[in-house]
């Protein structure tokens, strides 16, 4: 059934490249830039895109800024994980985890 006021196809998807950084910054940069290249290709074929890139690489195309953003997000995740571990050591939380990157 068609949606009122909408014609053609609509696609919604998401992709999180931050986790590629567990294999190193260069791997992350490679992966993130590949995703952006795919979006560029789709745009070049005339597909209308609405992109939300937390790193702002889509808009700025700055590798320096991209590296800074992933480093910031990694520090935030590490801080949260550290707090959870500290709470677990004090008996305020139970933590069970596994390393997915072996």
N, C-alpha and C. Protein backbone atom coordinates (compact mmCIF):
# COMPACT_ATOMS: atom_id res chain seq x y z
N UNK A 1 0.85 -1.17 0.00
CA UNK A 1 0.00 0.00 0.00
C UNK A 1 0.90 1.24 0.00
N UNK A 2 0.68 2.16 -0.94
CA UNK A 2 1.50 3.37 -1.00
C UNK A 2 1.30 4.26 0.22
N UNK A 3 2.36 4.93 0.63
CA UNK A 3 2.29 5.89 1.72
C UNK A 3 1.92 7.24 1.13
N UNK A 4 1.02 7.93 1.77
CA UNK A 4 0.56 9.23 1.29
C UNK A 4 1.73 10.20 1.16
N UNK A 5 1.89 10.81 -0.01
CA UNK A 5 2.91 11.81 -0.24
C UNK A 5 4.30 11.25 -0.54
N UNK A 6 4.42 9.92 -0.64
CA UNK A 6 5.72 9.30 -0.88
C UNK A 6 5.64 8.49 -2.16
N UNK A 7 6.60 8.70 -3.06
CA UNK A 7 6.63 7.91 -4.28
C UNK A 7 7.95 7.18 -4.36
N UNK A 8 7.95 6.05 -5.03
CA UNK A 8 9.18 5.29 -5.22
C UNK A 8 9.57 4.50 -3.98
N UNK A 9 10.78 4.02 -4.03
CA UNK A 9 11.31 3.18 -2.95
C UNK A 9 11.93 4.04 -1.86
N UNK A 10 11.88 3.53 -0.66
CA UNK A 10 12.57 4.14 0.48
C UNK A 10 13.33 3.04 1.18
N UNK A 11 14.56 3.35 1.55
CA UNK A 11 15.40 2.41 2.26
C UNK A 11 16.00 3.10 3.47
N UNK A 12 15.97 2.41 4.58
CA UNK A 12 16.58 2.94 5.79
C UNK A 12 17.52 1.88 6.32
N UNK A 13 18.73 2.28 6.65
CA UNK A 13 19.71 1.34 7.17
C UNK A 13 20.71 2.07 8.04
N UNK A 14 21.46 1.30 8.79
CA UNK A 14 22.51 1.91 9.60
C UNK A 14 23.75 1.01 9.56
N UNK A 15 24.87 1.62 9.87
CA UNK A 15 26.14 0.91 9.86
C UNK A 15 27.02 1.57 10.91
N UNK A 16 27.65 0.77 11.75
CA UNK A 16 28.54 1.29 12.80
C UNK A 16 29.94 0.82 12.50
N UNK A 17 30.82 1.74 12.09
CA UNK A 17 32.19 1.37 11.74
C UNK A 17 33.15 1.51 12.92
N UNK A 18 32.71 2.11 14.02
CA UNK A 18 33.60 2.35 15.16
C UNK A 18 34.28 1.07 15.63
N UNK A 19 33.58 -0.05 15.59
CA UNK A 19 34.14 -1.29 16.10
C UNK A 19 35.28 -1.83 15.24
N UNK A 20 35.42 -1.34 14.04
CA UNK A 20 36.55 -1.73 13.19
C UNK A 20 37.86 -1.24 13.79
N UNK A 21 37.80 -0.25 14.66
CA UNK A 21 39.00 0.31 15.28
C UNK A 21 39.68 -0.67 16.22
N UNK A 22 38.98 -1.73 16.64
CA UNK A 22 39.64 -2.71 17.52
C UNK A 22 40.76 -3.42 16.78
N UNK A 23 40.79 -3.31 15.47
CA UNK A 23 41.87 -3.87 14.66
C UNK A 23 42.88 -2.81 14.24
N UNK A 24 42.76 -1.64 14.84
CA UNK A 24 43.70 -0.55 14.57
C UNK A 24 43.03 0.61 13.86
N UNK A 25 43.60 1.78 14.05
CA UNK A 25 43.05 3.00 13.46
C UNK A 25 43.05 2.93 11.94
N UNK A 26 44.12 2.39 11.36
CA UNK A 26 44.18 2.30 9.89
C UNK A 26 43.05 1.44 9.35
N UNK A 27 42.74 0.35 10.04
CA UNK A 27 41.64 -0.52 9.59
C UNK A 27 40.31 0.23 9.70
N UNK A 28 40.12 0.95 10.80
CA UNK A 28 38.90 1.74 10.95
C UNK A 28 38.77 2.76 9.82
N UNK A 29 39.85 3.50 9.56
CA UNK A 29 39.80 4.52 8.51
C UNK A 29 39.46 3.89 7.16
N UNK A 30 40.05 2.75 6.88
CA UNK A 30 39.77 2.04 5.64
C UNK A 30 38.28 1.67 5.55
N UNK A 31 37.76 1.08 6.61
CA UNK A 31 36.36 0.65 6.61
C UNK A 31 35.39 1.82 6.49
N UNK A 32 35.62 2.86 7.28
CA UNK A 32 34.70 4.01 7.26
C UNK A 32 34.71 4.68 5.89
N UNK A 33 35.91 4.83 5.32
CA UNK A 33 36.01 5.46 4.01
C UNK A 33 35.36 4.60 2.93
N UNK A 34 35.41 3.28 3.08
CA UNK A 34 34.74 2.40 2.11
C UNK A 34 33.23 2.59 2.15
N UNK A 35 32.68 2.70 3.35
CA UNK A 35 31.23 2.93 3.47
C UNK A 35 30.87 4.26 2.81
N UNK A 36 31.65 5.30 3.07
CA UNK A 36 31.39 6.61 2.46
C UNK A 36 31.52 6.53 0.94
N UNK A 37 32.50 5.78 0.45
CA UNK A 37 32.67 5.61 -1.00
C UNK A 37 31.45 4.94 -1.63
N UNK A 38 30.88 3.97 -0.92
CA UNK A 38 29.67 3.31 -1.42
C UNK A 38 28.51 4.31 -1.48
N UNK A 39 28.38 5.13 -0.45
CA UNK A 39 27.33 6.16 -0.46
C UNK A 39 27.56 7.16 -1.59
N UNK A 40 28.82 7.53 -1.82
CA UNK A 40 29.14 8.42 -2.94
C UNK A 40 28.72 7.80 -4.27
N UNK A 41 28.98 6.52 -4.42
CA UNK A 41 28.60 5.82 -5.65
C UNK A 41 27.09 5.85 -5.85
N UNK A 42 26.35 5.55 -4.79
CA UNK A 42 24.89 5.60 -4.90
C UNK A 42 24.41 7.00 -5.27
N UNK A 43 25.00 8.00 -4.63
CA UNK A 43 24.62 9.39 -4.95
C UNK A 43 24.93 9.70 -6.42
N UNK A 44 26.09 9.23 -6.91
CA UNK A 44 26.47 9.46 -8.30
C UNK A 44 25.50 8.81 -9.28
N UNK A 45 24.84 7.73 -8.84
CA UNK A 45 23.83 7.08 -9.67
C UNK A 45 22.47 7.74 -9.56
N UNK A 46 22.41 8.85 -8.82
CA UNK A 46 21.18 9.62 -8.74
C UNK A 46 20.27 9.27 -7.58
N UNK A 47 20.75 8.46 -6.68
CA UNK A 47 19.93 8.08 -5.52
C UNK A 47 20.02 9.20 -4.48
N UNK A 48 18.87 9.63 -4.04
CA UNK A 48 18.80 10.70 -3.05
C UNK A 48 19.13 10.10 -1.67
N UNK A 49 20.12 10.69 -1.01
CA UNK A 49 20.59 10.16 0.27
C UNK A 49 20.41 11.17 1.38
N UNK A 50 20.13 10.66 2.55
CA UNK A 50 20.18 11.45 3.78
C UNK A 50 21.11 10.68 4.71
N UNK A 51 22.28 11.23 4.95
CA UNK A 51 23.32 10.53 5.71
C UNK A 51 23.55 11.24 7.03
N UNK A 52 23.58 10.46 8.09
CA UNK A 52 23.95 10.97 9.41
C UNK A 52 25.24 10.27 9.80
N UNK A 53 26.34 10.99 9.71
CA UNK A 53 27.66 10.46 10.03
C UNK A 53 28.17 11.17 11.27
N UNK A 54 28.18 10.45 12.40
CA UNK A 54 28.60 11.05 13.67
C UNK A 54 30.01 11.64 13.60
N UNK A 55 30.85 11.07 12.76
CA UNK A 55 32.23 11.55 12.64
C UNK A 55 32.33 12.81 11.79
N UNK A 56 31.28 13.12 11.06
CA UNK A 56 31.21 14.26 10.15
C UNK A 56 32.12 14.10 8.93
N UNK A 57 32.61 12.88 8.71
CA UNK A 57 33.45 12.64 7.54
C UNK A 57 32.65 12.82 6.25
N UNK A 58 31.40 12.40 6.25
CA UNK A 58 30.54 12.55 5.07
C UNK A 58 30.51 14.00 4.60
N UNK A 59 30.41 14.92 5.55
CA UNK A 59 30.31 16.33 5.19
C UNK A 59 31.69 16.97 4.98
N UNK A 60 32.64 16.68 5.85
CA UNK A 60 33.92 17.40 5.88
C UNK A 60 35.03 16.74 5.08
N UNK A 61 35.00 15.43 4.95
CA UNK A 61 36.05 14.65 4.27
C UNK A 61 37.44 14.92 4.88
N UNK A 62 37.48 15.04 6.20
CA UNK A 62 38.73 15.30 6.90
C UNK A 62 39.17 14.04 7.64
N UNK A 63 40.29 13.44 7.21
CA UNK A 63 40.83 12.26 7.90
C UNK A 63 41.25 12.60 9.32
N UNK A 64 41.82 13.78 9.50
CA UNK A 64 42.25 14.19 10.84
C UNK A 64 41.06 14.23 11.80
N UNK A 65 39.98 14.83 11.35
CA UNK A 65 38.77 14.92 12.19
C UNK A 65 38.19 13.54 12.45
N UNK A 66 38.22 12.68 11.43
CA UNK A 66 37.71 11.32 11.57
C UNK A 66 38.50 10.56 12.63
N UNK A 67 39.82 10.67 12.60
CA UNK A 67 40.67 10.01 13.61
C UNK A 67 40.38 10.57 15.01
N UNK A 68 40.20 11.87 15.11
CA UNK A 68 39.91 12.49 16.40
C UNK A 68 38.58 11.99 16.96
N UNK A 69 37.58 11.89 16.09
CA UNK A 69 36.25 11.45 16.54
C UNK A 69 36.29 10.01 17.04
N UNK A 70 36.94 9.10 16.30
CA UNK A 70 36.96 7.70 16.75
C UNK A 70 37.75 7.58 18.04
N UNK A 71 38.81 8.36 18.19
CA UNK A 71 39.58 8.32 19.44
C UNK A 71 38.71 8.80 20.60
N UNK A 72 37.92 9.82 20.37
CA UNK A 72 37.02 10.35 21.42
C UNK A 72 35.98 9.30 21.80
N UNK A 73 35.36 8.67 20.81
CA UNK A 73 34.34 7.65 21.10
C UNK A 73 34.96 6.45 21.82
N UNK A 74 36.17 6.08 21.42
CA UNK A 74 36.84 4.96 22.09
C UNK A 74 37.11 5.30 23.56
N UNK A 75 37.51 6.54 23.83
CA UNK A 75 37.75 6.96 25.22
C UNK A 75 36.45 6.93 26.02
N UNK A 76 35.34 7.35 25.40
CA UNK A 76 34.06 7.34 26.11
C UNK A 76 33.63 5.91 26.44
N UNK A 77 33.78 5.00 25.50
CA UNK A 77 33.42 3.59 25.73
C UNK A 77 34.32 3.01 26.82
N UNK A 78 35.61 3.32 26.78
CA UNK A 78 36.54 2.81 27.78
C UNK A 78 36.18 3.35 29.17
N UNK A 79 35.77 4.60 29.25
CA UNK A 79 35.38 5.19 30.53
C UNK A 79 34.16 4.49 31.11
N UNK A 80 33.18 4.23 30.28
CA UNK A 80 31.97 3.52 30.74
C UNK A 80 32.33 2.10 31.17
N UNK A 81 33.12 1.42 30.36
CA UNK A 81 33.53 0.05 30.72
C UNK A 81 34.33 0.06 32.01
N UNK A 82 35.20 1.02 32.19
CA UNK A 82 35.97 1.13 33.42
C UNK A 82 35.09 1.33 34.63
N UNK A 83 34.07 2.15 34.50
CA UNK A 83 33.14 2.39 35.61
C UNK A 83 32.37 1.12 35.95
N UNK A 84 31.96 0.39 34.95
CA UNK A 84 31.24 -0.86 35.19
C UNK A 84 32.15 -1.86 35.91
N UNK A 85 33.38 -1.97 35.48
CA UNK A 85 34.34 -2.88 36.12
C UNK A 85 34.59 -2.45 37.57
N UNK A 86 34.77 -1.15 37.79
CA UNK A 86 34.97 -0.65 39.15
C UNK A 86 33.77 -0.98 40.03
N UNK A 87 32.58 -0.77 39.52
CA UNK A 87 31.36 -1.09 40.29
C UNK A 87 31.28 -2.58 40.59
N UNK A 88 31.66 -3.40 39.65
CA UNK A 88 31.64 -4.85 39.86
C UNK A 88 32.62 -5.25 40.96
N UNK A 89 33.80 -4.63 40.97
CA UNK A 89 34.80 -4.93 42.00
C UNK A 89 34.31 -4.53 43.38
N UNK A 90 33.48 -3.51 43.44
CA UNK A 90 32.94 -3.04 44.73
C UNK A 90 31.65 -3.78 45.10
N UNK A 91 31.25 -4.73 44.27
CA UNK A 91 30.04 -5.51 44.56
C UNK A 91 28.75 -4.80 44.20
N UNK A 92 28.83 -3.71 43.44
CA UNK A 92 27.63 -2.96 43.07
C UNK A 92 27.04 -3.39 41.73
N UNK A 93 27.75 -4.26 41.05
CA UNK A 93 27.26 -4.72 39.73
C UNK A 93 27.86 -6.08 39.44
N UNK A 94 27.14 -6.85 38.68
CA UNK A 94 27.67 -8.12 38.18
C UNK A 94 27.99 -7.94 36.71
N UNK A 95 29.17 -8.39 36.35
CA UNK A 95 29.61 -8.20 34.97
C UNK A 95 30.05 -9.54 34.42
N UNK A 96 29.55 -9.84 33.25
CA UNK A 96 30.01 -11.01 32.51
C UNK A 96 30.29 -10.54 31.10
N UNK A 97 31.43 -10.88 30.60
CA UNK A 97 31.78 -10.43 29.25
C UNK A 97 32.61 -11.44 28.54
N UNK A 98 32.76 -11.19 27.25
CA UNK A 98 33.62 -12.04 26.44
C UNK A 98 34.26 -11.18 25.36
N UNK A 99 35.42 -11.59 24.96
CA UNK A 99 36.14 -10.86 23.94
C UNK A 99 35.69 -11.36 22.57
N UNK A 100 35.05 -10.48 21.82
CA UNK A 100 34.54 -10.84 20.50
C UNK A 100 35.59 -10.69 19.41
N UNK A 101 36.75 -10.17 19.76
CA UNK A 101 37.75 -9.82 18.77
C UNK A 101 38.96 -10.75 18.75
N UNK A 102 38.80 -11.94 19.22
CA UNK A 102 39.92 -12.90 19.20
C UNK A 102 40.06 -13.55 17.87
